[in-house]
Amino acid sequence: MTGGPVIIVGAGHGGYQVAASLRQAGFSERICLINDEAHLPYQRPPLSKAYIKGSAGPESLMFRPEKFYQDQKIELIAGRAASIDRAGHKVHLASGETLAYGHLVLATGARNRLLDLPNANLPDVRYLRILDDSEALRKIMPSKTRAVIIGAGFIGLEFASTARIKGLEVDVLELAPKRDQLIIDYSQGMKKKVGLAAALIHNPKVLFLDEPFNGVDVVSSRTVRGILKKLVERGVTVFFSSHVMELVERLCHRVAILRAGQVVALGTVGELKSQIGAPESSSLEDLFLASIGESEETRELSWIG
């Protein structure tokens, strides 16, 4: 690509990636990344959960250290774009500075809808979009006992889950008439995580999950397993149904095998082996097949056709 400097308005993931990819592809002309925050470009997804939960500093979120931008000759310009002169190929900053461009990239992302309600400017009414918002919430949460969250999308539910883990009572307000509408556009793995987050808002003592790992990517699966492990450590009883025998054998303390809706075997894997009279080397799959009266060698695959 040729044709003069590239000016990128917005230093979120999109803006950062454009700048880095241009250099990786061999673009040699000037690149300016306009950033209206006092931080290097950073990841935003952790702001609603991992960052608030942890103790790591802002540097843990940064895509790259400052030296990367120096080495790649990517100019980080602190400021806000005020106007664009398309005919003159110029960007005017709020500071009064003007930048000429050959190509202009707008990567500003979205902003919160501000509350138009009485008392919306009280000190404890907070928004969550940028790192400074997350940092402020992390500092005040230990002194609070209750959170009211407006919006049950991904960010709202992740923050709700984090608040519950930190011991706050949580209320979530959402205008959507049906729960399923909130997550209809999410991937399968995201649906599982959002659904689990929604359940955790209520601080359950018992949790029932149906195929929690079905269709879930590796990263999401590991996240869900970590959450379930922490719940069990806190004394929560977790029931989940699954057809993935290896997973059940690895995660569950006790197993129930059902046939036609009836429990035909119940206990630890070791207890099931004793009940069924199966060899010590038997896997849970072997125990399952023996319990429902089929053998791996003789069962017919009639379900195929």
Protein backbone atom coordinates (compact mmCIF):
# COMPACT_ATOMS: atom_id res chain seq x y z
CA MET A 1 0.00 0.00 0.00
CA THR A 2 1.29 3.46 -0.90
CA GLY A 3 -0.11 6.95 -0.94
CA GLY A 4 1.14 8.86 2.09
CA PRO A 5 0.89 8.59 5.87
CA VAL A 6 -1.68 6.40 7.59
CA ILE A 7 -3.54 8.10 10.44
CA ILE A 8 -5.44 5.73 12.74
CA VAL A 9 -8.04 7.29 15.03
CA GLY A 10 -8.52 4.99 18.02
CA ALA A 11 -5.95 2.85 19.83
CA GLY A 12 -8.08 -0.11 20.81
CA HIS A 13 -7.52 -3.61 19.47
CA GLY A 14 -8.57 -2.66 15.94
CA GLY A 15 -6.36 0.42 15.74
CA TYR A 16 -3.35 -1.33 17.23
CA GLN A 17 -3.72 -4.32 14.91
CA VAL A 18 -3.93 -2.12 11.80
CA ALA A 19 -0.69 -0.38 12.74
CA ALA A 20 1.16 -3.58 13.62
CA SER A 21 -0.09 -5.41 10.50
CA LEU A 22 0.95 -2.58 8.20
CA ARG A 23 4.51 -2.74 9.49
CA GLN A 24 4.48 -6.53 9.30
CA ALA A 25 3.38 -6.29 5.66
CA GLY A 26 6.27 -3.96 4.84
CA PHE A 27 4.52 -0.57 4.83
CA SER A 28 7.33 1.99 5.33
CA GLU A 29 5.59 5.35 5.43
CA ARG A 30 4.46 7.27 8.49
CA ILE A 31 1.91 5.63 10.82
CA CYS A 32 0.20 7.66 13.55
CA LEU A 33 -2.03 6.08 16.19
CA ILE A 34 -4.23 8.67 17.90
CA ASN A 35 -4.99 7.64 21.47
CA ASP A 36 -7.21 9.65 23.82
CA GLU A 37 -6.20 7.60 26.87
CA ALA A 38 -3.10 7.93 29.02
CA HIS A 39 -2.09 4.31 28.41
CA LEU A 40 -0.40 2.28 25.74
CA PRO A 41 -2.89 0.33 23.56
CA TYR A 42 -4.36 -2.46 25.70
CA GLN A 43 -6.82 -5.36 25.73
CA ARG A 44 -10.37 -4.47 26.72
CA PRO A 45 -12.13 -7.86 27.25
CA PRO A 46 -10.41 -8.48 30.65
CA LEU A 47 -11.68 -5.16 32.04
CA SER A 48 -15.05 -6.56 33.10
CA LYS A 49 -13.71 -9.64 34.87
CA ALA A 50 -10.07 -10.76 35.01
CA TYR A 51 -8.58 -7.31 35.67
CA ILE A 52 -11.10 -6.39 38.36
CA LYS A 53 -10.64 -9.77 40.06
CA GLY A 54 -6.86 -9.69 40.06
CA SER A 55 -4.07 -7.58 41.46
CA ALA A 56 -1.91 -7.12 38.35
CA GLY A 57 -1.22 -3.60 37.17
CA PRO A 58 -2.23 -1.95 33.87
CA GLU A 59 0.94 -3.21 32.20
CA SER A 60 -0.52 -6.73 32.23
CA LEU A 61 -3.13 -5.62 29.68
CA MET A 62 -0.84 -3.92 27.18
CA PHE A 63 -0.57 -5.45 23.70
CA ARG A 64 3.08 -4.44 23.43
CA PRO A 65 5.60 -2.45 25.50
CA GLU A 66 6.51 1.10 24.50
CA LYS A 67 9.74 -0.10 22.86
CA PHE A 68 7.72 -1.98 20.23
CA TYR A 69 6.18 1.25 18.92
CA GLN A 70 9.57 2.94 18.94
CA ASP A 71 11.22 0.09 17.05
CA GLN A 72 8.36 -0.11 14.53
CA LYS A 73 8.23 3.68 14.11
CA ILE A 74 4.56 3.82 15.05
CA GLU A 75 3.84 7.26 16.47
CA LEU A 76 1.57 7.27 19.51
CA ILE A 77 -0.19 10.63 19.59
CA ALA A 78 -2.01 11.53 22.80
CA GLY A 79 -5.13 13.44 21.91
CA ARG A 80 -8.62 13.38 20.47
CA ALA A 81 -9.65 13.85 16.85
CA ALA A 82 -11.97 16.88 16.70
CA SER A 83 -12.77 17.06 12.98
CA ILE A 84 -11.84 15.61 9.60
CA ASP A 85 -11.16 17.60 6.44
CA ARG A 86 -11.84 14.95 3.81
CA ALA A 87 -11.15 17.24 0.86
CA GLY A 88 -7.84 18.34 2.30
CA HIS A 89 -6.93 14.91 3.72
CA LYS A 90 -6.34 16.31 7.21
CA VAL A 91 -7.33 15.40 10.75
CA HIS A 92 -7.69 18.24 13.24
CA LEU A 93 -7.02 17.35 16.87
CA ALA A 94 -8.66 18.97 19.88
CA SER A 95 -5.23 20.35 20.82
CA GLY A 96 -5.15 22.38 17.61
CA GLU A 97 -2.61 20.13 15.89
CA THR A 98 -3.30 19.07 12.30
CA LEU A 99 -2.20 15.78 10.75
CA ALA A 100 -2.11 15.15 7.00
CA TYR A 101 -3.02 11.68 5.80
CA GLY A 102 -2.92 9.55 2.69
CA HIS A 103 -5.16 6.95 4.32
CA LEU A 104 -7.43 7.45 7.32
CA VAL A 105 -8.61 4.59 9.54
CA LEU A 106 -11.45 5.17 12.00
CA ALA A 107 -11.20 2.59 14.80
CA THR A 108 -12.95 4.44 17.60
CA GLY A 109 -15.12 1.59 18.86
CA ALA A 110 -18.33 2.19 20.80
CA ARG A 111 -19.20 4.22 23.88
CA ASN A 112 -21.57 3.66 26.78
CA ARG A 113 -25.02 5.13 26.60
CA LEU A 114 -25.11 7.69 29.40
CA LEU A 115 -27.97 7.47 31.86
CA ASP A 116 -30.63 10.12 31.38
CA LEU A 117 -32.11 9.73 34.85
CA PRO A 118 -32.35 11.79 38.03
CA ASN A 119 -29.23 11.47 40.21
CA ALA A 120 -27.28 9.81 37.40
CA ASN A 121 -24.29 11.99 38.31
CA LEU A 122 -23.93 10.70 41.88
CA PRO A 123 -20.39 9.57 42.81
CA ASP A 124 -21.22 5.85 42.93
CA VAL A 125 -22.85 5.76 39.49
CA ARG A 126 -20.10 4.27 37.34
CA TYR A 127 -19.57 3.24 33.73
CA LEU A 128 -17.33 0.45 32.44
CA ARG A 129 -15.62 0.89 29.10
CA ILE A 130 -11.97 1.83 29.53
CA LEU A 131 -9.08 0.88 31.79
CA ASP A 132 -9.55 3.87 34.10
CA ASP A 133 -13.18 2.81 34.65
CA SER A 134 -12.11 -0.73 35.57
CA GLU A 135 -9.33 0.52 37.84
CA ALA A 136 -11.76 2.80 39.69
CA LEU A 137 -14.24 -0.05 40.18
CA ARG A 138 -11.51 -2.36 41.42
CA LYS A 139 -10.54 0.18 44.09
CA ILE A 140 -14.05 0.89 45.42
CA MET A 141 -15.53 -2.64 45.34
CA PRO A 142 -13.98 -3.81 48.64
CA SER A 143 -15.90 -1.07 50.49
CA LYS A 144 -19.26 -1.86 48.84
CA THR A 145 -21.89 -4.46 49.64
CA ARG A 146 -24.28 -4.21 46.69
CA ALA A 147 -24.14 -3.53 42.94
CA VAL A 148 -26.96 -2.72 40.55
CA ILE A 149 -25.98 -3.39 36.94
CA ILE A 150 -27.90 -1.93 34.02
CA GLY A 151 -27.54 -4.21 31.00
CA ALA A 152 -27.35 -8.02 30.90
CA GLY A 153 -25.10 -8.31 27.91
CA PHE A 154 -21.69 -9.95 28.03
CA ILE A 155 -19.95 -7.11 29.91
CA GLY A 156 -22.78 -6.69 32.39
CA LEU A 157 -22.98 -10.39 33.24
CA GLU A 158 -19.22 -10.81 33.49
CA PHE A 159 -19.02 -7.89 35.91
CA ALA A 160 -21.98 -9.32 37.83
CA SER A 161 -20.19 -12.65 38.16
CA THR A 162 -17.04 -10.88 39.40
CA ALA A 163 -19.02 -8.83 41.92
CA ARG A 164 -20.63 -11.99 43.33
CA ILE A 165 -17.23 -13.66 43.67
CA LYS A 166 -16.08 -10.60 45.63
CA GLY A 167 -19.06 -10.97 47.97
CA LEU A 168 -21.37 -8.21 46.73
CA GLU A 169 -25.12 -8.64 46.41
CA VAL A 170 -26.06 -8.08 42.77
CA ASP A 171 -29.15 -6.96 40.88
CA VAL A 172 -29.14 -6.91 37.07
CA LEU A 173 -31.63 -4.77 35.13
CA GLU A 174 -32.37 -5.69 31.51
CA LEU A 175 -35.11 -4.56 29.13
CA ALA A 176 -35.00 -7.56 26.79
CA PRO A 177 -38.22 -9.59 27.25
CA LYS A 178 -36.59 -12.99 26.82
CA ARG A 179 -33.36 -14.26 28.32
CA ASP A 180 -32.38 -16.05 25.10
CA GLN A 181 -32.43 -12.78 23.17
CA LEU A 182 -29.49 -11.57 25.24
CA ILE A 183 -27.10 -14.18 23.92
CA ILE A 184 -28.60 -15.14 20.56
CA ASP A 185 -25.66 -13.73 18.60
CA TYR A 186 -22.93 -15.24 20.75
CA SER A 187 -20.86 -18.25 19.79
CA GLN A 188 -21.62 -21.58 21.44
CA GLY A 189 -18.72 -21.17 23.86
CA MET A 190 -19.77 -17.62 24.70
CA LYS A 191 -23.34 -18.80 25.38
CA LYS A 192 -22.05 -21.35 27.87
CA LYS A 193 -19.95 -18.75 29.69
CA VAL A 194 -22.66 -16.10 29.72
CA GLY A 195 -25.23 -18.64 30.93
CA LEU A 196 -22.90 -19.73 33.72
CA ALA A 197 -22.24 -16.10 34.67
CA ALA A 198 -25.98 -15.48 34.84
CA ALA A 199 -26.39 -18.44 37.20
CA LEU A 200 -23.56 -17.29 39.47
CA ILE A 201 -25.28 -13.95 40.08
CA HIS A 202 -27.62 -15.79 42.45
CA ASN A 203 -24.77 -17.32 44.51
CA PRO A 204 -26.18 -20.86 44.11
CA LYS A 205 -25.52 -23.68 46.55
CA VAL A 206 -26.43 -26.25 43.89
CA LEU A 207 -25.78 -25.81 40.16
CA PHE A 208 -27.23 -27.94 37.34
CA LEU A 209 -25.54 -27.79 33.92
CA ASP A 210 -26.56 -29.58 30.73
CA GLU A 211 -23.65 -30.52 28.45
CA PRO A 212 -21.52 -27.56 29.63
CA PHE A 213 -18.68 -28.40 27.25
CA ASN A 214 -20.66 -29.34 24.15
CA GLY A 215 -19.50 -27.25 21.16
CA VAL A 216 -17.17 -25.20 23.36
CA ASP A 217 -13.71 -24.21 22.14
CA VAL A 218 -10.59 -25.24 24.07
CA VAL A 219 -10.05 -21.88 25.75
CA SER A 220 -13.69 -21.55 26.83
CA SER A 221 -13.69 -25.14 28.05
CA ARG A 222 -10.69 -24.47 30.27
CA THR A 223 -12.34 -21.31 31.62
CA VAL A 224 -15.55 -23.20 32.49
CA ARG A 225 -13.57 -26.02 34.16
CA GLY A 226 -11.69 -23.47 36.28
CA ILE A 227 -14.94 -21.82 37.39
CA LEU A 228 -16.50 -25.16 38.31
CA LYS A 229 -13.42 -26.17 40.29
CA LYS A 230 -13.55 -22.96 42.34
CA LEU A 231 -17.27 -23.42 42.98
CA VAL A 232 -16.71 -26.93 44.32
CA GLU A 233 -13.86 -25.66 46.53
CA ARG A 234 -16.35 -23.13 48.00
CA GLY A 235 -18.79 -25.91 48.84
CA VAL A 236 -21.15 -25.62 45.88
CA THR A 237 -22.60 -28.91 44.59
CA VAL A 238 -22.36 -29.09 40.80
CA PHE A 239 -24.39 -31.54 38.72
CA PHE A 240 -23.80 -31.77 35.00
CA SER A 241 -24.94 -34.12 32.27
CA SER A 242 -22.51 -35.10 29.55
CA HIS A 243 -21.91 -37.75 26.93
CA VAL A 244 -18.15 -37.15 27.03
CA MET A 245 -17.09 -40.03 29.27
CA GLU A 246 -13.44 -39.04 29.59
CA LEU A 247 -14.45 -35.60 30.83
CA VAL A 248 -16.91 -36.99 33.37
CA GLU A 249 -14.33 -39.46 34.66
CA ARG A 250 -11.75 -36.71 35.06
CA LEU A 251 -13.95 -34.04 36.68
CA CYS A 252 -16.64 -35.77 38.71
CA HIS A 253 -16.40 -37.23 42.21
CA ARG A 254 -19.55 -39.32 41.77
CA VAL A 255 -21.33 -40.55 38.63
CA ALA A 256 -24.93 -41.52 37.91
CA ILE A 257 -25.67 -43.65 34.85
CA LEU A 258 -29.19 -43.33 33.46
CA ARG A 259 -31.14 -45.59 31.18
CA ALA A 260 -34.57 -44.51 29.92
CA GLY A 261 -34.64 -41.81 32.57
CA GLN A 262 -33.91 -44.22 35.44
CA VAL A 263 -30.70 -44.29 37.52
CA VAL A 264 -29.17 -47.73 37.03
CA ALA A 265 -25.82 -47.10 38.71
CA LEU A 266 -24.59 -44.49 41.20
CA GLY A 267 -21.30 -43.89 42.98
CA THR A 268 -17.64 -43.18 42.42
CA VAL A 269 -15.99 -44.87 39.45
CA GLY A 270 -14.42 -47.35 41.87
CA GLU A 271 -17.78 -48.09 43.48
CA LEU A 272 -19.38 -48.60 40.06
CA LYS A 273 -16.73 -51.18 39.19
CA SER A 274 -17.60 -53.12 42.37
CA GLN A 275 -21.36 -52.84 41.79
CA ILE A 276 -21.11 -54.09 38.21
CA GLY A 277 -18.31 -56.56 38.85
CA ALA A 278 -16.17 -54.97 36.17
CA PRO A 279 -12.38 -55.36 35.91
CA GLU A 280 -10.26 -52.70 37.63
CA SER A 281 -8.96 -51.56 34.23
CA SER A 282 -12.49 -50.70 33.01
CA SER A 283 -13.08 -47.16 31.78
CA LEU A 284 -16.24 -45.21 32.52
CA GLU A 285 -17.36 -45.95 28.97
CA ASP A 286 -17.04 -49.69 29.70
CA LEU A 287 -19.09 -49.23 32.88
CA PHE A 288 -21.72 -47.25 31.02
CA LEU A 289 -22.13 -49.90 28.32
CA ALA A 290 -22.30 -52.67 30.90
CA SER A 291 -24.87 -50.78 32.98
CA ILE A 292 -27.29 -50.18 30.12
CA GLY A 293 -27.06 -53.78 28.94
CA GLU A 294 -25.02 -53.30 25.77
CA SER A 295 -21.51 -54.30 24.83
CA GLU A 296 -19.21 -52.41 22.57
CA GLU A 297 -18.90 -55.44 20.32
CA THR A 298 -22.58 -56.28 19.91
CA ARG A 299 -24.55 -53.07 19.97
CA GLU A 300 -26.16 -52.18 16.64
CA LEU A 301 -25.67 -48.74 15.11
CA SER A 302 -29.32 -48.53 14.10
CA TRP A 303 -29.37 -44.81 14.81
CA ILE A 304 -27.34 -44.17 11.65
CA GLY A 305 -30.21 -44.97 9.32
